[in-house]
């Protein structure tokens, strides 16, 4: 027989759920999200409008709906392929030369402290504060004597000179965030000064190098003033100068204009998407753990 316990079972009380208090700073974060959302919409809507207009039929077209005939037209009836090649060539050469000079120059500004370096730093500051338009006429007169007008090499020289001062400052600012103790440890292990710069400083300064490269890329890629002054031949145009040839006095076919604008936007977008994962600065602090 089953024995029945006369003592009634006592149910344990359910623990009360803790009252989670929302911190005051978290209560007001919704308006920050709305503000970021509005700013993002303001930035994205014009870009979306350009892309949308580029796939609509242009003037005199018999197509309806979404079409890629604007892109086909600009590549078949204009020199967009030459303009794209010129812009890429000038921009890539500008980035390479600027980084090759700014990386060691920024290291000198960051690590060496004397009157000569301070004077050089002050000169860079003055140079970067001057607008490029102040030097356009003297440079045009000089380059015309040297045969560099309507020459992509001459435009590249100006781009390098325009980006070099700011690029050097950007590299020096990032080198300042790298502890010199890392270099001293490398020197104690037998590494030379130049070897420590290449293996320690430059390797840890990858985000700074990429930021400087993007700055140089955008300055050379988006420039219009220098190109329109120094370039004369249609086959030597860069994309910003070539784009203005689509504008007519009485009417403008906006389909091809927007197609070229989309082509101009693609390289910077691809560059940012490819280099986004390398923008990390959290690996330096742990290198000195225990010291």
C-alpha atoms as a PDB file:
ATOM      1  CA  UNK A   1       0.000   0.000   0.000  1.00  0.00           C
ATOM      2  CA  UNK A   2       1.086   3.550  -0.761  1.00  0.00           C
ATOM      3  CA  UNK A   3       1.693   5.615   2.320  1.00  0.00           C
ATOM      4  CA  UNK A   4       0.249   9.128   2.237  1.00  0.00           C
ATOM      5  CA  UNK A   5       2.139  11.859   4.040  1.00  0.00           C
ATOM      6  CA  UNK A   6      -0.386  13.985   5.947  1.00  0.00           C
ATOM      7  CA  UNK A   7       1.938  16.988   5.977  1.00  0.00           C
ATOM      8  CA  UNK A   8       0.880  19.402   3.202  1.00  0.00           C
ATOM      9  CA  UNK A   9       3.540  20.370   0.712  1.00  0.00           C
ATOM     10  CA  UNK A  10       4.862  23.841   1.195  1.00  0.00           C
ATOM     11  CA  UNK A  11       5.407  25.708  -2.082  1.00  0.00           C
ATOM     12  CA  UNK A  12       8.543  27.781  -2.087  1.00  0.00           C
ATOM     13  CA  UNK A  13       7.905  31.437  -2.867  1.00  0.00           C
ATOM     14  CA  UNK A  14       8.844  32.572  -6.348  1.00  0.00           C
ATOM     15  CA  UNK A  15      11.807  34.924  -6.154  1.00  0.00           C
ATOM     16  CA  UNK A  16      10.861  38.431  -7.093  1.00  0.00           C
ATOM     17  CA  UNK A  17      12.295  39.699 -10.311  1.00  0.00           C
ATOM     18  CA  UNK A  18      14.855  42.420  -9.795  1.00  0.00           C
ATOM     19  CA  UNK A  19      13.641  45.864 -10.711  1.00  0.00           C
ATOM     20  CA  UNK A  20      15.965  46.896 -13.515  1.00  0.00           C
ATOM     21  CA  UNK A  21      16.478  50.595 -13.481  1.00  0.00           C
ATOM     22  CA  UNK A  22      17.254  52.241 -16.756  1.00  0.00           C
ATOM     23  CA  UNK A  23      20.169  54.632 -16.330  1.00  0.00           C
ATOM     24  CA  UNK A  24      19.287  58.252 -17.059  1.00  0.00           C
ATOM     25  CA  UNK A  25      21.848  58.489 -19.870  1.00  0.00           C
ATOM     26  CA  UNK A  26      20.229  55.522 -21.651  1.00  0.00           C
ATOM     27  CA  UNK A  27      16.758  57.064 -21.580  1.00  0.00           C
ATOM     28  CA  UNK A  28      17.796  59.887 -23.863  1.00  0.00           C
ATOM     29  CA  UNK A  29      19.605  57.778 -26.431  1.00  0.00           C
ATOM     30  CA  UNK A  30      16.538  57.507 -28.677  1.00  0.00           C
ATOM     31  CA  UNK A  31      16.917  61.064 -29.897  1.00  0.00           C
ATOM     32  CA  UNK A  32      20.561  60.354 -30.741  1.00  0.00           C
ATOM     33  CA  UNK A  33      19.433  57.412 -32.842  1.00  0.00           C
ATOM     34  CA  UNK A  34      16.866  59.596 -34.599  1.00  0.00           C
ATOM     35  CA  UNK A  35      19.494  62.275 -35.210  1.00  0.00           C
ATOM     36  CA  UNK A  36      21.918  59.737 -36.695  1.00  0.00           C
ATOM     37  CA  UNK A  37      19.081  58.332 -38.803  1.00  0.00           C
ATOM     38  CA  UNK A  38      18.202  61.783 -40.169  1.00  0.00           C
ATOM     39  CA  UNK A  39      21.853  62.596 -40.964  1.00  0.00           C
ATOM     40  CA  UNK A  40      22.262  59.227 -42.686  1.00  0.00           C
ATOM     41  CA  UNK A  41      19.136  59.860 -44.763  1.00  0.00           C
ATOM     42  CA  UNK A  42      20.370  63.326 -45.755  1.00  0.00           C
ATOM     43  CA  UNK A  43      23.639  61.776 -46.958  1.00  0.00           C
ATOM     44  CA  UNK A  44      22.176  58.712 -48.661  1.00  0.00           C
ATOM     45  CA  UNK A  45      19.169  60.268 -50.410  1.00  0.00           C
ATOM     46  CA  UNK A  46      21.233  62.356 -52.906  1.00  0.00           C
ATOM     47  CA  UNK A  47      23.408  59.330 -53.667  1.00  0.00           C
ATOM     48  CA  UNK A  48      20.325  57.177 -54.202  1.00  0.00           C
ATOM     49  CA  UNK A  49      18.866  59.875 -56.459  1.00  0.00           C
ATOM     50  CA  UNK A  50      22.031  59.894 -58.591  1.00  0.00           C
ATOM     51  CA  UNK A  51      21.952  56.109 -58.949  1.00  0.00           C
ATOM     52  CA  UNK A  52      18.227  56.158 -59.744  1.00  0.00           C
ATOM     53  CA  UNK A  53      18.543  58.851 -62.408  1.00  0.00           C
ATOM     54  CA  UNK A  54      21.490  57.029 -63.994  1.00  0.00           C
ATOM     55  CA  UNK A  55      19.314  54.003 -64.817  1.00  0.00           C
ATOM     56  CA  UNK A  56      16.391  56.002 -66.239  1.00  0.00           C
ATOM     57  CA  UNK A  57      16.069  56.564 -70.003  1.00  0.00           C
ATOM     58  CA  UNK A  58      17.755  59.725 -71.262  1.00  0.00           C
ATOM     59  CA  UNK A  59      16.586  62.341 -73.722  1.00  0.00           C
ATOM     60  CA  UNK A  60      15.437  60.856 -77.035  1.00  0.00           C
ATOM     61  CA  UNK A  61      15.449  57.300 -75.679  1.00  0.00           C
ATOM     62  CA  UNK A  62      12.743  54.832 -76.600  1.00  0.00           C
ATOM     63  CA  UNK A  63      13.359  52.604 -73.595  1.00  0.00           C
ATOM     64  CA  UNK A  64      11.028  52.472 -70.622  1.00  0.00           C
ATOM     65  CA  UNK A  65      11.755  51.568 -67.037  1.00  0.00           C
ATOM     66  CA  UNK A  66      15.160  50.757 -65.649  1.00  0.00           C
ATOM     67  CA  UNK A  67      17.908  50.594 -68.272  1.00  0.00           C
ATOM     68  CA  UNK A  68      21.690  50.637 -68.508  1.00  0.00           C
ATOM     69  CA  UNK A  69      21.797  52.428 -71.845  1.00  0.00           C
ATOM     70  CA  UNK A  70      23.261  55.560 -70.245  1.00  0.00           C
ATOM     71  CA  UNK A  71      26.343  53.603 -69.166  1.00  0.00           C
ATOM     72  CA  UNK A  72      26.602  51.957 -72.563  1.00  0.00           C
ATOM     73  CA  UNK A  73      26.319  55.345 -74.261  1.00  0.00           C
ATOM     74  CA  UNK A  74      29.033  57.078 -72.212  1.00  0.00           C
ATOM     75  CA  UNK A  75      31.475  54.217 -72.797  1.00  0.00           C
ATOM     76  CA  UNK A  76      30.756  53.909 -76.517  1.00  0.00           C
ATOM     77  CA  UNK A  77      30.335  57.549 -77.530  1.00  0.00           C
ATOM     78  CA  UNK A  78      32.644  59.412 -75.133  1.00  0.00           C
ATOM     79  CA  UNK A  79      36.160  59.043 -73.729  1.00  0.00           C
ATOM     80  CA  UNK A  80      35.031  57.952 -70.278  1.00  0.00           C
ATOM     81  CA  UNK A  81      37.350  54.949 -70.397  1.00  0.00           C
ATOM     82  CA  UNK A  82      40.328  57.276 -70.967  1.00  0.00           C
ATOM     83  CA  UNK A  83      39.142  59.644 -68.227  1.00  0.00           C
ATOM     84  CA  UNK A  84      38.755  56.758 -65.796  1.00  0.00           C
ATOM     85  CA  UNK A  85      42.212  55.433 -66.647  1.00  0.00           C
ATOM     86  CA  UNK A  86      43.758  58.903 -66.267  1.00  0.00           C
ATOM     87  CA  UNK A  87      42.080  59.497 -62.906  1.00  0.00           C
ATOM     88  CA  UNK A  88      43.120  56.107 -61.549  1.00  0.00           C
ATOM     89  CA  UNK A  89      46.701  56.479 -62.763  1.00  0.00           C
ATOM     90  CA  UNK A  90      47.165  59.996 -61.397  1.00  0.00           C
ATOM     91  CA  UNK A  91      45.510  59.133 -58.092  1.00  0.00           C
ATOM     92  CA  UNK A  92      47.438  55.908 -57.474  1.00  0.00           C
ATOM     93  CA  UNK A  93      50.784  57.533 -58.268  1.00  0.00           C
ATOM     94  CA  UNK A  94      49.895  60.449 -55.967  1.00  0.00           C
ATOM     95  CA  UNK A  95      49.039  58.104 -53.101  1.00  0.00           C
ATOM     96  CA  UNK A  96      52.208  56.036 -53.497  1.00  0.00           C
ATOM     97  CA  UNK A  97      54.588  58.998 -53.678  1.00  0.00           C
ATOM     98  CA  UNK A  98      52.849  60.888 -50.871  1.00  0.00           C
ATOM     99  CA  UNK A  99      52.972  57.901 -48.525  1.00  0.00           C
ATOM    100  CA  UNK A 100      56.590  57.109 -49.429  1.00  0.00           C
ATOM    101  CA  UNK A 101      57.613  60.641 -48.438  1.00  0.00           C
ATOM    102  CA  UNK A 102      55.143  61.356 -45.621  1.00  0.00           C
ATOM    103  CA  UNK A 103      55.773  58.137 -43.674  1.00  0.00           C
ATOM    104  CA  UNK A 104      59.459  58.795 -42.825  1.00  0.00           C
ATOM    105  CA  UNK A 105      58.935  62.571 -42.663  1.00  0.00           C
ATOM    106  CA  UNK A 106      56.137  62.128 -40.126  1.00  0.00           C
ATOM    107  CA  UNK A 107      58.385  59.842 -38.071  1.00  0.00           C
ATOM    108  CA  UNK A 108      61.006  62.582 -37.886  1.00  0.00           C
ATOM    109  CA  UNK A 109      58.415  65.128 -36.761  1.00  0.00           C
ATOM    110  CA  UNK A 110      57.128  62.730 -34.119  1.00  0.00           C
ATOM    111  CA  UNK A 111      60.411  61.525 -32.615  1.00  0.00           C
ATOM    112  CA  UNK A 112      63.000  64.285 -33.174  1.00  0.00           C
ATOM    113  CA  UNK A 113      62.828  67.523 -31.189  1.00  0.00           C
ATOM    114  CA  UNK A 114      65.139  70.350 -32.259  1.00  0.00           C
ATOM    115  CA  UNK A 115      64.995  73.763 -33.891  1.00  0.00           C
ATOM    116  CA  UNK A 116      65.474  72.457 -37.418  1.00  0.00           C
ATOM    117  CA  UNK A 117      62.599  69.989 -37.133  1.00  0.00           C
ATOM    118  CA  UNK A 118      60.418  72.579 -35.413  1.00  0.00           C
ATOM    119  CA  UNK A 119      61.083  75.020 -38.259  1.00  0.00           C
ATOM    120  CA  UNK A 120      60.251  72.328 -40.790  1.00  0.00           C
ATOM    121  CA  UNK A 121      57.037  71.563 -38.909  1.00  0.00           C
ATOM    122  CA  UNK A 122      56.085  75.234 -38.887  1.00  0.00           C
ATOM    123  CA  UNK A 123      56.758  75.462 -42.624  1.00  0.00           C
ATOM    124  CA  UNK A 124      54.460  72.513 -43.259  1.00  0.00           C
ATOM    125  CA  UNK A 125      51.765  74.166 -41.159  1.00  0.00           C
ATOM    126  CA  UNK A 126      52.015  77.382 -43.176  1.00  0.00           C
ATOM    127  CA  UNK A 127      52.051  75.525 -46.500  1.00  0.00           C
ATOM    128  CA  UNK A 128      48.976  73.455 -45.717  1.00  0.00           C
ATOM    129  CA  UNK A 129      47.051  76.573 -44.644  1.00  0.00           C
ATOM    130  CA  UNK A 130      47.497  78.180 -48.077  1.00  0.00           C
ATOM    131  CA  UNK A 131      44.796  77.411 -50.678  1.00  0.00           C
ATOM    132  CA  UNK A 132      45.971  75.765 -53.879  1.00  0.00           C
ATOM    133  CA  UNK A 133      44.328  78.479 -56.000  1.00  0.00           C
ATOM    134  CA  UNK A 134      46.992  80.979 -54.866  1.00  0.00           C
ATOM    135  CA  UNK A 135      49.655  78.931 -56.645  1.00  0.00           C
ATOM    136  CA  UNK A 136      47.746  78.051 -59.821  1.00  0.00           C
ATOM    137  CA  UNK A 137      48.911  81.006 -61.953  1.00  0.00           C
ATOM    138  CA  UNK A 138      52.629  80.813 -60.965  1.00  0.00           C
ATOM    139  CA  UNK A 139      52.589  77.050 -61.455  1.00  0.00           C
ATOM    140  CA  UNK A 140      50.917  77.377 -64.847  1.00  0.00           C
ATOM    141  CA  UNK A 141      53.594  79.834 -66.006  1.00  0.00           C
ATOM    142  CA  UNK A 142      56.366  77.576 -64.718  1.00  0.00           C
ATOM    143  CA  UNK A 143      54.891  74.370 -66.138  1.00  0.00           C
ATOM    144  CA  UNK A 144      54.289  75.999 -69.524  1.00  0.00           C
ATOM    145  CA  UNK A 145      58.032  76.672 -69.779  1.00  0.00           C
ATOM    146  CA  UNK A 146      58.810  73.102 -68.718  1.00  0.00           C
ATOM    147  CA  UNK A 147      56.314  71.552 -71.134  1.00  0.00           C
ATOM    148  CA  UNK A 148      54.147  70.106 -68.348  1.00  0.00           C
ATOM    149  CA  UNK A 149      50.870  71.791 -69.340  1.00  0.00           C
ATOM    150  CA  UNK A 150      48.306  69.324 -70.723  1.00  0.00           C
ATOM    151  CA  UNK A 151      50.406  66.589 -69.149  1.00  0.00           C
ATOM    152  CA  UNK A 152      49.242  64.114 -66.536  1.00  0.00           C
ATOM    153  CA  UNK A 153      52.721  64.100 -65.003  1.00  0.00           C
ATOM    154  CA  UNK A 154      52.476  67.812 -64.261  1.00  0.00           C
ATOM    155  CA  UNK A 155      49.077  67.368 -62.615  1.00  0.00           C
ATOM    156  CA  UNK A 156      50.489  64.518 -60.523  1.00  0.00           C
ATOM    157  CA  UNK A 157      53.341  66.728 -59.299  1.00  0.00           C
ATOM    158  CA  UNK A 158      50.843  69.336 -58.116  1.00  0.00           C
ATOM    159  CA  UNK A 159      48.709  66.702 -56.392  1.00  0.00           C
ATOM    160  CA  UNK A 160      51.724  65.310 -54.555  1.00  0.00           C
ATOM    161  CA  UNK A 161      52.732  68.783 -53.436  1.00  0.00           C
ATOM    162  CA  UNK A 162      49.185  69.522 -52.291  1.00  0.00           C
ATOM    163  CA  UNK A 163      48.811  66.365 -50.223  1.00  0.00           C
ATOM    164  CA  UNK A 164      52.324  66.043 -48.845  1.00  0.00           C
ATOM    165  CA  UNK A 165      52.105  68.564 -46.003  1.00  0.00           C
ATOM    166  CA  UNK A 166      48.811  67.279 -44.612  1.00  0.00           C
ATOM    167  CA  UNK A 167      49.879  63.659 -45.128  1.00  0.00           C
ATOM    168  CA  UNK A 168      53.049  64.287 -43.118  1.00  0.00           C
ATOM    169  CA  UNK A 169      51.054  65.855 -40.288  1.00  0.00           C
ATOM    170  CA  UNK A 170      48.621  62.924 -40.261  1.00  0.00           C
ATOM    171  CA  UNK A 171      51.427  60.371 -40.059  1.00  0.00           C
ATOM    172  CA  UNK A 172      53.215  62.320 -37.313  1.00  0.00           C
ATOM    173  CA  UNK A 173      50.002  62.517 -35.277  1.00  0.00           C
ATOM    174  CA  UNK A 174      49.524  58.761 -35.472  1.00  0.00           C
ATOM    175  CA  UNK A 175      53.163  58.026 -34.654  1.00  0.00           C
ATOM    176  CA  UNK A 176      52.704  60.046 -31.451  1.00  0.00           C
ATOM    177  CA  UNK A 177      50.162  57.445 -30.276  1.00  0.00           C
ATOM    178  CA  UNK A 178      52.708  54.603 -30.584  1.00  0.00           C
ATOM    179  CA  UNK A 179      54.819  54.245 -27.401  1.00  0.00           C
ATOM    180  CA  UNK A 180      58.525  54.714 -27.948  1.00  0.00           C
ATOM    181  CA  UNK A 181      59.071  51.834 -25.509  1.00  0.00           C
ATOM    182  CA  UNK A 182      58.265  49.447 -28.343  1.00  0.00           C
ATOM    183  CA  UNK A 183      61.153  50.829 -30.381  1.00  0.00           C
ATOM    184  CA  UNK A 184      63.498  50.760 -27.395  1.00  0.00           C
ATOM    185  CA  UNK A 185      62.702  47.082 -26.879  1.00  0.00           C
ATOM    186  CA  UNK A 186      63.479  46.415 -30.533  1.00  0.00           C
ATOM    187  CA  UNK A 187      66.756  48.351 -30.274  1.00  0.00           C
ATOM    188  CA  UNK A 188      67.786  46.281 -27.250  1.00  0.00           C
ATOM    189  CA  UNK A 189      67.175  43.150 -29.313  1.00  0.00           C
ATOM    190  CA  UNK A 190      69.637  44.413 -31.940  1.00  0.00           C
ATOM    191  CA  UNK A 191      67.264  46.126 -34.348  1.00  0.00           C
ATOM    192  CA  UNK A 192      68.559  49.247 -36.101  1.00  0.00           C
ATOM    193  CA  UNK A 193      66.768  52.592 -36.080  1.00  0.00           C
ATOM    194  CA  UNK A 194      65.468  52.112 -39.604  1.00  0.00           C
ATOM    195  CA  UNK A 195      64.592  48.495 -38.884  1.00  0.00           C
ATOM    196  CA  UNK A 196      62.627  49.525 -35.805  1.00  0.00           C
ATOM    197  CA  UNK A 197      60.747  52.067 -37.874  1.00  0.00           C
ATOM    198  CA  UNK A 198      59.819  49.507 -40.525  1.00  0.00           C
ATOM    199  CA  UNK A 199      59.111  46.520 -38.286  1.00  0.00           C
ATOM    200  CA  UNK A 200      57.602  48.198 -35.224  1.00  0.00           C
ATOM    201  CA  UNK A 201      56.340  51.715 -35.901  1.00  0.00           C
ATOM    202  CA  UNK A 202      55.154  51.406 -39.474  1.00  0.00           C
ATOM    203  CA  UNK A 203      53.528  48.031 -38.873  1.00  0.00           C
ATOM    204  CA  UNK A 204      51.562  49.339 -35.880  1.00  0.00           C
ATOM    205  CA  UNK A 205      50.681  52.517 -37.786  1.00  0.00           C
ATOM    206  CA  UNK A 206      48.675  50.688 -40.453  1.00  0.00           C
ATOM    207  CA  UNK A 207      45.381  52.484 -39.620  1.00  0.00           C
ATOM    208  CA  UNK A 208      47.189  55.827 -39.847  1.00  0.00           C
ATOM    209  CA  UNK A 209      48.767  54.856 -43.158  1.00  0.00           C
ATOM    210  CA  UNK A 210      45.391  53.841 -44.549  1.00  0.00           C
ATOM    211  CA  UNK A 211      43.767  57.060 -43.341  1.00  0.00           C
ATOM    212  CA  UNK A 212      46.506  59.088 -45.003  1.00  0.00           C
ATOM    213  CA  UNK A 213      46.186  57.048 -48.190  1.00  0.00           C
ATOM    214  CA  UNK A 214      42.440  57.639 -48.307  1.00  0.00           C
ATOM    215  CA  UNK A 215      42.940  61.378 -47.780  1.00  0.00           C
ATOM    216  CA  UNK A 216      45.439  61.547 -50.652  1.00  0.00           C
ATOM    217  CA  UNK A 217      43.198  59.392 -52.822  1.00  0.00           C
ATOM    218  CA  UNK A 218      40.119  61.554 -52.316  1.00  0.00           C
ATOM    219  CA  UNK A 219      41.994  64.819 -52.835  1.00  0.00           C
ATOM    220  CA  UNK A 220      43.444  63.699 -56.162  1.00  0.00           C
ATOM    221  CA  UNK A 221      40.336  61.813 -57.283  1.00  0.00           C
ATOM    222  CA  UNK A 222      37.866  64.654 -56.671  1.00  0.00           C
ATOM    223  CA  UNK A 223      40.020  67.577 -57.795  1.00  0.00           C
ATOM    224  CA  UNK A 224      38.578  69.777 -60.503  1.00  0.00           C
ATOM    225  CA  UNK A 225      40.432  73.098 -60.305  1.00  0.00           C
ATOM    226  CA  UNK A 226      43.939  71.835 -61.085  1.00  0.00           C
ATOM    227  CA  UNK A 227      42.750  69.515 -63.827  1.00  0.00           C
ATOM    228  CA  UNK A 228      40.612  72.091 -65.622  1.00  0.00           C
ATOM    229  CA  UNK A 229      43.487  74.623 -65.617  1.00  0.00           C
ATOM    230  CA  UNK A 230      46.344  72.338 -66.681  1.00  0.00           C
ATOM    231  CA  UNK A 231      44.627  69.801 -68.940  1.00  0.00           C
ATOM    232  CA  UNK A 232      43.575  70.776 -72.464  1.00  0.00           C
ATOM    233  CA  UNK A 233      43.153  67.584 -74.524  1.00  0.00           C
ATOM    234  CA  UNK A 234      40.018  65.476 -74.239  1.00  0.00           C
ATOM    235  CA  UNK A 235      42.027  62.266 -73.982  1.00  0.00           C
ATOM    236  CA  UNK A 236      44.005  63.704 -71.037  1.00  0.00           C
ATOM    237  CA  UNK A 237      40.961  64.742 -69.011  1.00  0.00           C
ATOM    238  CA  UNK A 238      40.285  63.245 -65.624  1.00  0.00           C
ATOM    239  CA  UNK A 239      36.736  62.273 -64.659  1.00  0.00           C
ATOM    240  CA  UNK A 240      35.781  65.569 -62.929  1.00  0.00           C
ATOM    241  CA  UNK A 241      36.825  67.585 -65.989  1.00  0.00           C
ATOM    242  CA  UNK A 242      35.283  65.121 -68.403  1.00  0.00           C
ATOM    243  CA  UNK A 243      32.006  65.296 -66.522  1.00  0.00           C
ATOM    244  CA  UNK A 244      31.581  69.000 -67.224  1.00  0.00           C
ATOM    245  CA  UNK A 245      31.722  68.351 -70.998  1.00  0.00           C
ATOM    246  CA  UNK A 246      28.212  66.823 -70.759  1.00  0.00           C
ATOM    247  CA  UNK A 247      26.690  70.146 -69.732  1.00  0.00           C
ATOM    248  CA  UNK A 248      25.335  72.143 -72.657  1.00  0.00           C
ATOM    249  CA  UNK A 249      24.228  75.747 -72.831  1.00  0.00           C
ATOM    250  CA  UNK A 250      20.490  75.212 -73.315  1.00  0.00           C
ATOM    251  CA  UNK A 251      19.745  71.630 -72.246  1.00  0.00           C
ATOM    252  CA  UNK A 252      21.500  68.857 -70.385  1.00  0.00           C
ATOM    253  CA  UNK A 253      20.912  65.147 -70.808  1.00  0.00           C
ATOM    254  CA  UNK A 254      21.001  64.131 -67.161  1.00  0.00           C
ATOM    255  CA  UNK A 255      21.088  60.393 -67.791  1.00  0.00           C
ATOM    256  CA  UNK A 256      24.714  60.285 -69.038  1.00  0.00           C
ATOM    257  CA  UNK A 257      25.728  62.876 -66.438  1.00  0.00           C
ATOM    258  CA  UNK A 258      24.437  60.689 -63.623  1.00  0.00           C
ATOM    259  CA  UNK A 259      26.019  57.609 -65.197  1.00  0.00           C
ATOM    260  CA  UNK A 260      29.446  59.274 -65.112  1.00  0.00           C
ATOM    261  CA  UNK A 261      28.751  60.411 -61.549  1.00  0.00           C
ATOM    262  CA  UNK A 262      28.075  56.807 -60.542  1.00  0.00           C
ATOM    263  CA  UNK A 263      31.322  55.739 -62.203  1.00  0.00           C
ATOM    264  CA  UNK A 264      33.124  58.420 -60.189  1.00  0.00           C
ATOM    265  CA  UNK A 265      31.587  57.165 -56.940  1.00  0.00           C
ATOM    266  CA  UNK A 266      32.480  53.518 -57.408  1.00  0.00           C
ATOM    267  CA  UNK A 267      36.280  53.597 -56.736  1.00  0.00           C
ATOM    268  CA  UNK A 268      36.008  55.464 -53.377  1.00  0.00           C
ATOM    269  CA  UNK A 269      33.172  53.173 -52.276  1.00  0.00           C
ATOM    270  CA  UNK A 270      35.159  50.072 -53.232  1.00  0.00           C
ATOM    271  CA  UNK A 271      38.234  51.473 -51.466  1.00  0.00           C
ATOM    272  CA  UNK A 272      36.376  52.133 -48.219  1.00  0.00           C
ATOM    273  CA  UNK A 273      34.667  48.739 -48.330  1.00  0.00           C
ATOM    274  CA  UNK A 274      37.961  46.931 -48.900  1.00  0.00           C
ATOM    275  CA  UNK A 275      39.958  48.778 -46.222  1.00  0.00           C
ATOM    276  CA  UNK A 276      37.271  49.113 -43.560  1.00  0.00           C
ATOM    277  CA  UNK A 277      38.316  45.958 -41.689  1.00  0.00           C
ATOM    278  CA  UNK A 278      41.885  47.240 -41.279  1.00  0.00           C
ATOM    279  CA  UNK A 279      40.879  50.330 -39.291  1.00  0.00           C
ATOM    280  CA  UNK A 280      41.677  48.999 -35.829  1.00  0.00           C
ATOM    281  CA  UNK A 281      43.807  50.725 -33.226  1.00  0.00           C
ATOM    282  CA  UNK A 282      43.269  48.387 -30.282  1.00  0.00           C
ATOM    283  CA  UNK A 283      46.341  46.220 -30.732  1.00  0.00           C
ATOM    284  CA  UNK A 284      48.981  48.656 -29.489  1.00  0.00           C
ATOM    285  CA  UNK A 285      48.020  48.992 -25.845  1.00  0.00           C
ATOM    286  CA  UNK A 286      48.534  45.286 -25.052  1.00  0.00           C
ATOM    287  CA  UNK A 287      52.049  45.317 -26.462  1.00  0.00           C
ATOM    288  CA  UNK A 288      53.366  46.949 -23.283  1.00  0.00           C
ATOM    289  CA  UNK A 289      51.564  44.698 -20.824  1.00  0.00           C
ATOM    290  CA  UNK A 290      53.749  43.867 -17.860  1.00  0.00           C
ATOM    291  CA  UNK A 291      56.261  46.631 -18.501  1.00  0.00           C
END
